[in-house]
Amino acid sequence: MSFVFFFVFTTSSVKAQELDELNHFKYAIVETLFYENMAVDIYSISGNVRKHFLDKGIRVVSESKRYWPDELFGNPCLGIYCNILPSTGLFSKYKVEIEMKDCNGKVLYSGMGKGVGETETEAYHNATERALDAFDNLVYQHDPGNTIQLEEQMTRNRIEGLYDAIGGPTALKIEISVKDGKIEARIVDSSDKKYQNGQLLASFTESSLSNNLYNVEWMPDDKGSYMTLASLEKEGGRLTVELKEENEKKQLVFRKIE
């Protein structure tokens, strides 16, 4: 009879921070991890992070602002924004980094965990647990005296600008701009009558998986929206949005014109 021993080893690295500051926040906005093959949170990392917030008594909301409570929509500074970066490497096969930021992008918590397991899901689970070691020490009690105010974003985001759709049946021009910290795409001109000038078409949030990937809430009509993924070429301004229409996956490609 032979025995196989399997060892799990995890490490963590957490920056010094005042955990008590997290008591200022009533909501947690946890990003949903999308992968390049359009798979959604296949290792349950986002789901695990959400559970940690819920266990503390912090309300977790969707990234889609359409479903935010009125008070959060009116004051986005009531929410802590949680970004997740999973990765693999030669010496640390499974690693998860977690950052929690306020509405102005100030980092209030930063943790990193490494782990292995019998499956990829188990390994990422172990790494996530280690990344949240310090967070688990927080005794949460919401402090309604939150004085954080949304600061005007003075720097121009690199995705901002005018874009023309290319290679598709519809002539479509959009403008992407940052307003109140939100990255929004609105219709400027279209040959398709279902689009109206000024209509909000999409909202973007930067993905922690890559600095050229964006999580996108795509709003093609008033019937609803869905979450998808977009990529922006560093050179050339080519923006590609993955669409899910009529049970098919399609790509809508834009070229930045100014």
C-alpha atoms as a PDB file:
ATOM      1  CA  MET A   1       0.000   0.000   0.000  1.00  0.00           C
ATOM      2  CA  SER A   2       1.354   3.386  -0.929  1.00  0.00           C
ATOM      3  CA  PHE A   3       0.392   6.786   0.345  1.00  0.00           C
ATOM      4  CA  VAL A   4       0.413  10.093  -1.477  1.00  0.00           C
ATOM      5  CA  PHE A   5       0.898  13.157   0.692  1.00  0.00           C
ATOM      6  CA  PHE A   6      -0.297  16.495  -0.644  1.00  0.00           C
ATOM      7  CA  PHE A   7       0.903  19.646   1.055  1.00  0.00           C
ATOM      8  CA  VAL A   8      -0.724  23.058   0.803  1.00  0.00           C
ATOM      9  CA  PHE A   9       1.466  26.066   1.404  1.00  0.00           C
ATOM     10  CA  THR A  10       0.245  29.613   1.346  1.00  0.00           C
ATOM     11  CA  THR A  11       1.823  32.942   2.073  1.00  0.00           C
ATOM     12  CA  SER A  12       0.434  36.435   2.331  1.00  0.00           C
ATOM     13  CA  SER A  13       1.682  39.981   2.107  1.00  0.00           C
ATOM     14  CA  VAL A  14      -0.451  42.845   3.398  1.00  0.00           C
ATOM     15  CA  LYS A  15       0.454  46.527   3.439  1.00  0.00           C
ATOM     16  CA  ALA A  16       0.019  48.501   6.645  1.00  0.00           C
ATOM     17  CA  GLN A  17      -3.380  50.115   6.698  1.00  0.00           C
ATOM     18  CA  GLU A  18      -6.026  51.216   9.132  1.00  0.00           C
ATOM     19  CA  LEU A  19      -8.736  48.580   8.945  1.00  0.00           C
ATOM     20  CA  ASP A  20     -11.045  50.859  10.904  1.00  0.00           C
ATOM     21  CA  GLU A  21     -11.331  53.081   7.814  1.00  0.00           C
ATOM     22  CA  LEU A  22     -13.388  50.341   6.185  1.00  0.00           C
ATOM     23  CA  ASN A  23     -16.153  51.042   8.701  1.00  0.00           C
ATOM     24  CA  HIS A  24     -16.950  54.183   6.691  1.00  0.00           C
ATOM     25  CA  PHE A  25     -18.381  52.094   3.868  1.00  0.00           C
ATOM     26  CA  LYS A  26     -21.872  50.641   3.735  1.00  0.00           C
ATOM     27  CA  TYR A  27     -21.531  48.753   0.446  1.00  0.00           C
ATOM     28  CA  ALA A  28     -18.909  46.665  -1.315  1.00  0.00           C
ATOM     29  CA  ILE A  29     -18.674  46.634  -5.115  1.00  0.00           C
ATOM     30  CA  VAL A  30     -16.739  43.480  -5.992  1.00  0.00           C
ATOM     31  CA  GLU A  31     -15.683  43.043  -9.590  1.00  0.00           C
ATOM     32  CA  THR A  32     -16.760  39.907 -11.438  1.00  0.00           C
ATOM     33  CA  LEU A  33     -13.756  38.270 -13.033  1.00  0.00           C
ATOM     34  CA  PHE A  34     -14.058  37.776 -16.780  1.00  0.00           C
ATOM     35  CA  TYR A  35     -11.468  35.769 -18.691  1.00  0.00           C
ATOM     36  CA  GLU A  36     -10.405  36.176 -22.294  1.00  0.00           C
ATOM     37  CA  ASN A  37     -12.556  33.212 -23.383  1.00  0.00           C
ATOM     38  CA  MET A  38     -15.560  35.052 -21.850  1.00  0.00           C
ATOM     39  CA  ALA A  39     -15.775  32.574 -18.972  1.00  0.00           C
ATOM     40  CA  VAL A  40     -17.193  34.196 -15.826  1.00  0.00           C
ATOM     41  CA  ASP A  41     -15.519  33.647 -12.434  1.00  0.00           C
ATOM     42  CA  ILE A  42     -14.705  30.036 -13.258  1.00  0.00           C
ATOM     43  CA  TYR A  43     -12.598  29.596 -10.097  1.00  0.00           C
ATOM     44  CA  SER A  44     -15.184  31.263  -7.806  1.00  0.00           C
ATOM     45  CA  ILE A  45     -12.668  33.932  -6.732  1.00  0.00           C
ATOM     46  CA  SER A  46     -15.129  36.829  -6.980  1.00  0.00           C
ATOM     47  CA  GLY A  47     -17.770  34.756  -5.218  1.00  0.00           C
ATOM     48  CA  ASN A  48     -15.395  33.936  -2.375  1.00  0.00           C
ATOM     49  CA  VAL A  49     -14.454  37.602  -1.901  1.00  0.00           C
ATOM     50  CA  ARG A  50     -18.128  38.573  -1.824  1.00  0.00           C
ATOM     51  CA  LYS A  51     -18.717  35.992   0.904  1.00  0.00           C
ATOM     52  CA  HIS A  52     -16.030  37.621   3.079  1.00  0.00           C
ATOM     53  CA  PHE A  53     -17.811  40.977   2.834  1.00  0.00           C
ATOM     54  CA  LEU A  54     -21.199  39.422   3.545  1.00  0.00           C
ATOM     55  CA  ASP A  55     -19.812  37.583   6.583  1.00  0.00           C
ATOM     56  CA  LYS A  56     -18.752  40.987   7.956  1.00  0.00           C
ATOM     57  CA  GLY A  57     -22.227  42.405   7.443  1.00  0.00           C
ATOM     58  CA  ILE A  58     -21.181  44.639   4.530  1.00  0.00           C
ATOM     59  CA  ARG A  59     -23.760  44.783   1.758  1.00  0.00           C
ATOM     60  CA  VAL A  60     -22.465  43.509  -1.582  1.00  0.00           C
ATOM     61  CA  VAL A  61     -23.914  44.992  -4.770  1.00  0.00           C
ATOM     62  CA  SER A  62     -23.575  44.307  -8.473  1.00  0.00           C
ATOM     63  CA  GLU A  63     -21.179  46.224 -10.682  1.00  0.00           C
ATOM     64  CA  SER A  64     -24.195  47.243 -12.759  1.00  0.00           C
ATOM     65  CA  LYS A  65     -25.214  50.688 -11.556  1.00  0.00           C
ATOM     66  CA  ARG A  66     -28.740  49.975 -12.767  1.00  0.00           C
ATOM     67  CA  TYR A  67     -29.228  47.771  -9.719  1.00  0.00           C
ATOM     68  CA  TRP A  68     -27.544  49.968  -7.130  1.00  0.00           C
ATOM     69  CA  PRO A  69     -29.617  51.226  -4.192  1.00  0.00           C
ATOM     70  CA  ASP A  70     -30.653  54.854  -4.603  1.00  0.00           C
ATOM     71  CA  GLU A  71     -28.388  56.071  -1.802  1.00  0.00           C
ATOM     72  CA  LEU A  72     -25.308  54.443  -3.359  1.00  0.00           C
ATOM     73  CA  PHE A  73     -26.186  55.740  -6.805  1.00  0.00           C
ATOM     74  CA  GLY A  74     -26.557  59.214  -5.331  1.00  0.00           C
ATOM     75  CA  ASN A  75     -23.335  58.935  -3.323  1.00  0.00           C
ATOM     76  CA  PRO A  76     -20.871  56.401  -4.774  1.00  0.00           C
ATOM     77  CA  CYS A  77     -18.513  57.189  -1.897  1.00  0.00           C
ATOM     78  CA  LEU A  78     -20.630  54.932   0.328  1.00  0.00           C
ATOM     79  CA  GLY A  79     -19.086  51.973  -1.503  1.00  0.00           C
ATOM     80  CA  ILE A  80     -15.678  50.330  -1.244  1.00  0.00           C
ATOM     81  CA  TYR A  81     -14.457  49.137  -4.653  1.00  0.00           C
ATOM     82  CA  CYS A  82     -12.736  45.759  -4.602  1.00  0.00           C
ATOM     83  CA  ASN A  83     -10.368  44.814  -7.440  1.00  0.00           C
ATOM     84  CA  ILE A  84      -9.029  41.274  -7.793  1.00  0.00           C
ATOM     85  CA  LEU A  85      -5.925  40.163  -9.691  1.00  0.00           C
ATOM     86  CA  PRO A  86      -5.383  36.396 -10.015  1.00  0.00           C
ATOM     87  CA  SER A  87      -2.219  35.199 -11.722  1.00  0.00           C
ATOM     88  CA  THR A  88       0.035  32.216 -12.290  1.00  0.00           C
ATOM     89  CA  GLY A  89       3.784  32.030 -12.408  1.00  0.00           C
ATOM     90  CA  LEU A  90       6.759  29.681 -12.348  1.00  0.00           C
ATOM     91  CA  PHE A  91       7.493  29.936  -8.636  1.00  0.00           C
ATOM     92  CA  SER A  92       4.006  30.827  -7.435  1.00  0.00           C
ATOM     93  CA  LYS A  93       1.571  28.894  -9.534  1.00  0.00           C
ATOM     94  CA  TYR A  94      -1.504  30.476  -8.005  1.00  0.00           C
ATOM     95  CA  LYS A  95      -1.578  33.990  -6.628  1.00  0.00           C
ATOM     96  CA  VAL A  96      -4.383  36.412  -5.833  1.00  0.00           C
ATOM     97  CA  GLU A  97      -3.933  40.119  -5.137  1.00  0.00           C
ATOM     98  CA  ILE A  98      -6.821  42.120  -3.719  1.00  0.00           C
ATOM     99  CA  GLU A  99      -7.148  45.894  -3.483  1.00  0.00           C
ATOM    100  CA  MET A 100      -9.935  47.869  -1.860  1.00  0.00           C
ATOM    101  CA  LYS A 101     -10.256  51.490  -2.988  1.00  0.00           C
ATOM    102  CA  ASP A 102     -12.498  54.392  -2.086  1.00  0.00           C
ATOM    103  CA  CYS A 103     -14.470  56.391  -4.661  1.00  0.00           C
ATOM    104  CA  ASN A 104     -11.402  58.506  -5.474  1.00  0.00           C
ATOM    105  CA  GLY A 105      -9.119  55.546  -6.115  1.00  0.00           C
ATOM    106  CA  LYS A 106      -7.253  55.741  -2.795  1.00  0.00           C
ATOM    107  CA  VAL A 107      -6.065  52.258  -1.768  1.00  0.00           C
ATOM    108  CA  LEU A 108      -7.272  51.421   1.739  1.00  0.00           C
ATOM    109  CA  TYR A 109      -6.437  47.720   1.718  1.00  0.00           C
ATOM    110  CA  SER A 110      -3.965  45.669  -0.269  1.00  0.00           C
ATOM    111  CA  GLY A 111      -3.393  41.966   0.268  1.00  0.00           C
ATOM    112  CA  MET A 112      -1.679  39.176  -1.623  1.00  0.00           C
ATOM    113  CA  GLY A 113      -1.925  35.425  -1.062  1.00  0.00           C
ATOM    114  CA  LYS A 114      -0.298  32.392  -2.655  1.00  0.00           C
ATOM    115  CA  GLY A 115      -1.558  28.842  -2.562  1.00  0.00           C
ATOM    116  CA  VAL A 116      -1.753  25.423  -4.148  1.00  0.00           C
ATOM    117  CA  GLY A 117      -4.413  22.734  -4.116  1.00  0.00           C
ATOM    118  CA  GLU A 118      -5.611  19.549  -5.718  1.00  0.00           C
ATOM    119  CA  THR A 119      -7.581  21.627  -8.230  1.00  0.00           C
ATOM    120  CA  GLU A 120      -7.155  25.118  -9.644  1.00  0.00           C
ATOM    121  CA  THR A 121     -10.315  26.234  -7.860  1.00  0.00           C
ATOM    122  CA  GLU A 122      -8.970  24.978  -4.523  1.00  0.00           C
ATOM    123  CA  ALA A 123      -5.592  26.619  -5.101  1.00  0.00           C
ATOM    124  CA  TYR A 124      -7.179  29.991  -5.896  1.00  0.00           C
ATOM    125  CA  HIS A 125      -9.474  29.598  -2.893  1.00  0.00           C
ATOM    126  CA  ASN A 126      -6.455  29.124  -0.618  1.00  0.00           C
ATOM    127  CA  ALA A 127      -4.693  32.114  -2.149  1.00  0.00           C
ATOM    128  CA  THR A 128      -7.783  34.296  -1.748  1.00  0.00           C
ATOM    129  CA  GLU A 129      -8.133  33.329   1.906  1.00  0.00           C
ATOM    130  CA  ARG A 130      -4.538  34.385   2.557  1.00  0.00           C
ATOM    131  CA  ALA A 131      -4.985  37.663   0.678  1.00  0.00           C
ATOM    132  CA  LEU A 132      -7.857  38.485   3.046  1.00  0.00           C
ATOM    133  CA  ASP A 133      -6.128  37.429   6.273  1.00  0.00           C
ATOM    134  CA  ALA A 134      -5.825  40.992   7.584  1.00  0.00           C
ATOM    135  CA  PHE A 135      -9.321  41.911   6.412  1.00  0.00           C
ATOM    136  CA  ASP A 136     -10.706  39.043   8.487  1.00  0.00           C
ATOM    137  CA  ASN A 137      -9.411  40.832  11.602  1.00  0.00           C
ATOM    138  CA  LEU A 138     -11.804  43.726  11.000  1.00  0.00           C
ATOM    139  CA  VAL A 139     -14.664  43.979  13.480  1.00  0.00           C
ATOM    140  CA  TYR A 140     -17.082  45.788  11.188  1.00  0.00           C
ATOM    141  CA  GLN A 141     -19.569  48.350  12.417  1.00  0.00           C
ATOM    142  CA  HIS A 142     -20.807  50.854   9.870  1.00  0.00           C
ATOM    143  CA  ASP A 143     -19.975  54.449  10.763  1.00  0.00           C
ATOM    144  CA  PRO A 144     -22.608  56.675   9.084  1.00  0.00           C
ATOM    145  CA  GLY A 145     -20.335  59.710   9.504  1.00  0.00           C
ATOM    146  CA  ASN A 146     -18.655  59.067   6.172  1.00  0.00           C
ATOM    147  CA  THR A 147     -17.145  62.386   5.055  1.00  0.00           C
ATOM    148  CA  ILE A 148     -15.473  61.135   1.870  1.00  0.00           C
ATOM    149  CA  GLN A 149     -16.389  63.238  -1.158  1.00  0.00           C
ATOM    150  CA  LEU A 150     -15.955  62.348  -4.792  1.00  0.00           C
ATOM    151  CA  GLU A 151     -13.060  64.341  -6.211  1.00  0.00           C
ATOM    152  CA  GLU A 152     -13.234  65.646  -9.753  1.00  0.00           C
ATOM    153  CA  GLN A 153     -11.061  63.543 -12.024  1.00  0.00           C
ATOM    154  CA  MET A 154      -8.693  66.021 -13.654  1.00  0.00           C
ATOM    155  CA  THR A 155      -6.624  63.558 -15.641  1.00  0.00           C
ATOM    156  CA  ARG A 156      -7.832  62.290 -18.978  1.00  0.00           C
ATOM    157  CA  ASN A 157      -8.410  58.543 -19.126  1.00  0.00           C
ATOM    158  CA  ARG A 158      -6.665  56.928 -22.068  1.00  0.00           C
ATOM    159  CA  ILE A 159      -9.886  55.341 -23.313  1.00  0.00           C
ATOM    160  CA  GLU A 160     -11.592  58.740 -23.670  1.00  0.00           C
ATOM    161  CA  GLY A 161     -12.307  59.977 -27.186  1.00  0.00           C
ATOM    162  CA  LEU A 162     -14.445  59.609 -30.308  1.00  0.00           C
ATOM    163  CA  TYR A 163     -14.731  56.197 -31.986  1.00  0.00           C
ATOM    164  CA  ASP A 164     -16.135  54.916 -35.289  1.00  0.00           C
ATOM    165  CA  ALA A 165     -17.401  51.346 -35.636  1.00  0.00           C
ATOM    166  CA  ILE A 166     -15.586  49.495 -38.420  1.00  0.00           C
ATOM    167  CA  GLY A 167     -16.430  46.349 -40.347  1.00  0.00           C
ATOM    168  CA  GLY A 168     -20.062  46.188 -39.226  1.00  0.00           C
ATOM    169  CA  PRO A 169     -23.367  46.707 -41.029  1.00  0.00           C
ATOM    170  CA  THR A 170     -24.246  49.806 -38.984  1.00  0.00           C
ATOM    171  CA  ALA A 171     -22.474  53.157 -39.148  1.00  0.00           C
ATOM    172  CA  LEU A 172     -21.989  53.989 -35.498  1.00  0.00           C
ATOM    173  CA  LYS A 173     -20.017  56.728 -33.788  1.00  0.00           C
ATOM    174  CA  ILE A 174     -19.633  56.913 -30.011  1.00  0.00           C
ATOM    175  CA  GLU A 175     -17.939  59.200 -27.534  1.00  0.00           C
ATOM    176  CA  ILE A 176     -16.301  57.751 -24.429  1.00  0.00           C
ATOM    177  CA  SER A 177     -15.816  60.148 -21.551  1.00  0.00           C
ATOM    178  CA  VAL A 178     -15.259  60.157 -17.804  1.00  0.00           C
ATOM    179  CA  LYS A 179     -17.868  61.890 -15.687  1.00  0.00           C
ATOM    180  CA  ASP A 180     -18.017  61.744 -11.884  1.00  0.00           C
ATOM    181  CA  GLY A 181     -15.465  58.959 -11.984  1.00  0.00           C
ATOM    182  CA  LYS A 182     -17.574  56.849 -14.377  1.00  0.00           C
ATOM    183  CA  ILE A 183     -16.404  55.843 -17.865  1.00  0.00           C
ATOM    184  CA  GLU A 184     -19.397  56.072 -20.213  1.00  0.00           C
ATOM    185  CA  ALA A 185     -19.960  55.565 -23.945  1.00  0.00           C
ATOM    186  CA  ARG A 186     -22.744  57.559 -25.591  1.00  0.00           C
ATOM    187  CA  ILE A 187     -24.079  57.572 -29.139  1.00  0.00           C
ATOM    188  CA  VAL A 188     -22.900  60.488 -31.273  1.00  0.00           C
ATOM    189  CA  ASP A 189     -24.296  59.342 -34.637  1.00  0.00           C
ATOM    190  CA  SER A 190     -25.800  56.159 -36.069  1.00  0.00           C
ATOM    191  CA  SER A 191     -27.464  54.887 -39.229  1.00  0.00           C
ATOM    192  CA  ASP A 192     -29.573  52.519 -37.097  1.00  0.00           C
ATOM    193  CA  LYS A 193     -32.797  54.203 -35.945  1.00  0.00           C
ATOM    194  CA  LYS A 194     -32.863  52.161 -32.721  1.00  0.00           C
ATOM    195  CA  TYR A 195     -29.996  54.346 -31.479  1.00  0.00           C
ATOM    196  CA  GLN A 196     -30.624  57.926 -30.420  1.00  0.00           C
ATOM    197  CA  ASN A 197     -27.953  60.609 -30.244  1.00  0.00           C
ATOM    198  CA  GLY A 198     -26.856  61.040 -26.651  1.00  0.00           C
ATOM    199  CA  GLN A 199     -28.072  57.558 -25.666  1.00  0.00           C
ATOM    200  CA  LEU A 200     -25.974  55.778 -23.035  1.00  0.00           C
ATOM    201  CA  LEU A 201     -24.635  52.663 -24.754  1.00  0.00           C
ATOM    202  CA  ALA A 202     -22.138  51.280 -22.251  1.00  0.00           C
ATOM    203  CA  SER A 203     -20.254  51.889 -19.049  1.00  0.00           C
ATOM    204  CA  PHE A 204     -16.671  50.709 -18.574  1.00  0.00           C
ATOM    205  CA  THR A 205     -14.597  49.772 -15.538  1.00  0.00           C
ATOM    206  CA  GLU A 206     -10.930  48.917 -15.756  1.00  0.00           C
ATOM    207  CA  SER A 207     -10.226  45.225 -15.242  1.00  0.00           C
ATOM    208  CA  SER A 208      -7.481  44.179 -12.853  1.00  0.00           C
ATOM    209  CA  LEU A 209      -6.627  41.246 -15.131  1.00  0.00           C
ATOM    210  CA  SER A 210      -4.859  43.536 -17.605  1.00  0.00           C
ATOM    211  CA  ASN A 211      -4.408  47.269 -18.128  1.00  0.00           C
ATOM    212  CA  ASN A 212      -5.942  47.013 -21.612  1.00  0.00           C
ATOM    213  CA  LEU A 213      -9.062  45.062 -20.565  1.00  0.00           C
ATOM    214  CA  TYR A 214     -12.341  46.575 -19.392  1.00  0.00           C
ATOM    215  CA  ASN A 215     -15.444  45.117 -17.802  1.00  0.00           C
ATOM    216  CA  VAL A 216     -18.387  46.529 -19.738  1.00  0.00           C
ATOM    217  CA  GLU A 217     -22.057  46.934 -18.970  1.00  0.00           C
ATOM    218  CA  TRP A 218     -23.524  46.910 -22.482  1.00  0.00           C
ATOM    219  CA  MET A 219     -26.927  48.595 -22.860  1.00  0.00           C
ATOM    220  CA  PRO A 220     -28.077  48.162 -26.478  1.00  0.00           C
ATOM    221  CA  ASP A 221     -31.728  49.004 -25.748  1.00  0.00           C
ATOM    222  CA  ASP A 222     -34.216  49.657 -22.971  1.00  0.00           C
ATOM    223  CA  LYS A 223     -34.955  45.947 -22.543  1.00  0.00           C
ATOM    224  CA  GLY A 224     -31.953  45.369 -20.346  1.00  0.00           C
ATOM    225  CA  SER A 225     -28.199  45.151 -20.185  1.00  0.00           C
ATOM    226  CA  TYR A 226     -25.522  42.516 -19.737  1.00  0.00           C
ATOM    227  CA  MET A 227     -21.911  42.350 -18.591  1.00  0.00           C
ATOM    228  CA  THR A 228     -19.217  41.670 -21.137  1.00  0.00           C
ATOM    229  CA  LEU A 229     -15.567  42.434 -21.886  1.00  0.00           C
ATOM    230  CA  ALA A 230     -13.694  44.940 -24.062  1.00  0.00           C
ATOM    231  CA  SER A 231     -10.045  45.322 -25.007  1.00  0.00           C
ATOM    232  CA  LEU A 232      -8.193  48.449 -26.079  1.00  0.00           C
ATOM    233  CA  GLU A 233      -5.014  48.246 -28.135  1.00  0.00           C
ATOM    234  CA  LYS A 234      -2.238  50.310 -26.578  1.00  0.00           C
ATOM    235  CA  GLU A 235      -1.265  51.595 -29.996  1.00  0.00           C
ATOM    236  CA  GLY A 236      -3.743  52.547 -32.692  1.00  0.00           C
ATOM    237  CA  GLY A 237      -6.802  53.042 -30.510  1.00  0.00           C
ATOM    238  CA  ARG A 238      -8.635  49.899 -31.653  1.00  0.00           C
ATOM    239  CA  LEU A 239     -11.430  49.051 -29.200  1.00  0.00           C
ATOM    240  CA  THR A 240     -13.044  45.593 -29.407  1.00  0.00           C
ATOM    241  CA  VAL A 241     -16.247  44.807 -27.510  1.00  0.00           C
ATOM    242  CA  GLU A 242     -17.445  41.215 -27.114  1.00  0.00           C
ATOM    243  CA  LEU A 243     -21.208  41.061 -27.745  1.00  0.00           C
ATOM    244  CA  LYS A 244     -23.780  38.409 -26.891  1.00  0.00           C
ATOM    245  CA  GLU A 245     -26.624  38.789 -29.349  1.00  0.00           C
ATOM    246  CA  GLU A 246     -29.205  36.227 -30.467  1.00  0.00           C
ATOM    247  CA  ASN A 247     -27.347  33.513 -28.547  1.00  0.00           C
ATOM    248  CA  GLU A 248     -24.217  34.230 -30.560  1.00  0.00           C
ATOM    249  CA  LYS A 249     -20.926  35.800 -29.566  1.00  0.00           C
ATOM    250  CA  LYS A 250     -19.919  38.657 -31.833  1.00  0.00           C
ATOM    251  CA  GLN A 251     -17.329  41.397 -31.823  1.00  0.00           C
ATOM    252  CA  LEU A 252     -17.936  45.079 -32.400  1.00  0.00           C
ATOM    253  CA  VAL A 253     -14.731  46.874 -33.317  1.00  0.00           C
ATOM    254  CA  PHE A 254     -14.204  50.634 -33.035  1.00  0.00           C
ATOM    255  CA  ARG A 255     -11.382  52.822 -34.311  1.00  0.00           C
ATOM    256  CA  LYS A 256     -10.419  55.880 -32.315  1.00  0.00           C
ATOM    257  CA  ILE A 257     -10.635  58.971 -34.511  1.00  0.00           C
ATOM    258  CA  GLU A 258      -9.686  61.653 -31.970  1.00  0.00           C
END
